[in-house]
Amino acid sequence: MTTDLYVLEWSKKAGMPHVQRLEETLSANRKAYRDDKAVGDYIPIAVGTVEEMSEAADAIRPTLMARRPNKAEVLSL
């Protein structure tokens, strides 16, 4: 049995967290490198199991909401 690793990413532009498989993140980064293009706004901030990253995303949402000028725009994930 293997445990997939997930990454918690943060977007300053969107002001939101995002959780996805680490392999997907790395694959997109390799493609961006190959094509000499920018990846985007999401910055990896933690790696772990999907449960750990979901909990971490929940933990940072209050901070992200406090940073937004219009807190009503923040969508629940």
Foldseek 3Di string as FASTA:
>chain_A
DDAFKKFWWAFPVLLAIDIDTPVVVVVLVVVCVVVVHDSDRIDTDDMDGPVVNVVVRVVCSVVSLVPDPDSVPDDDD
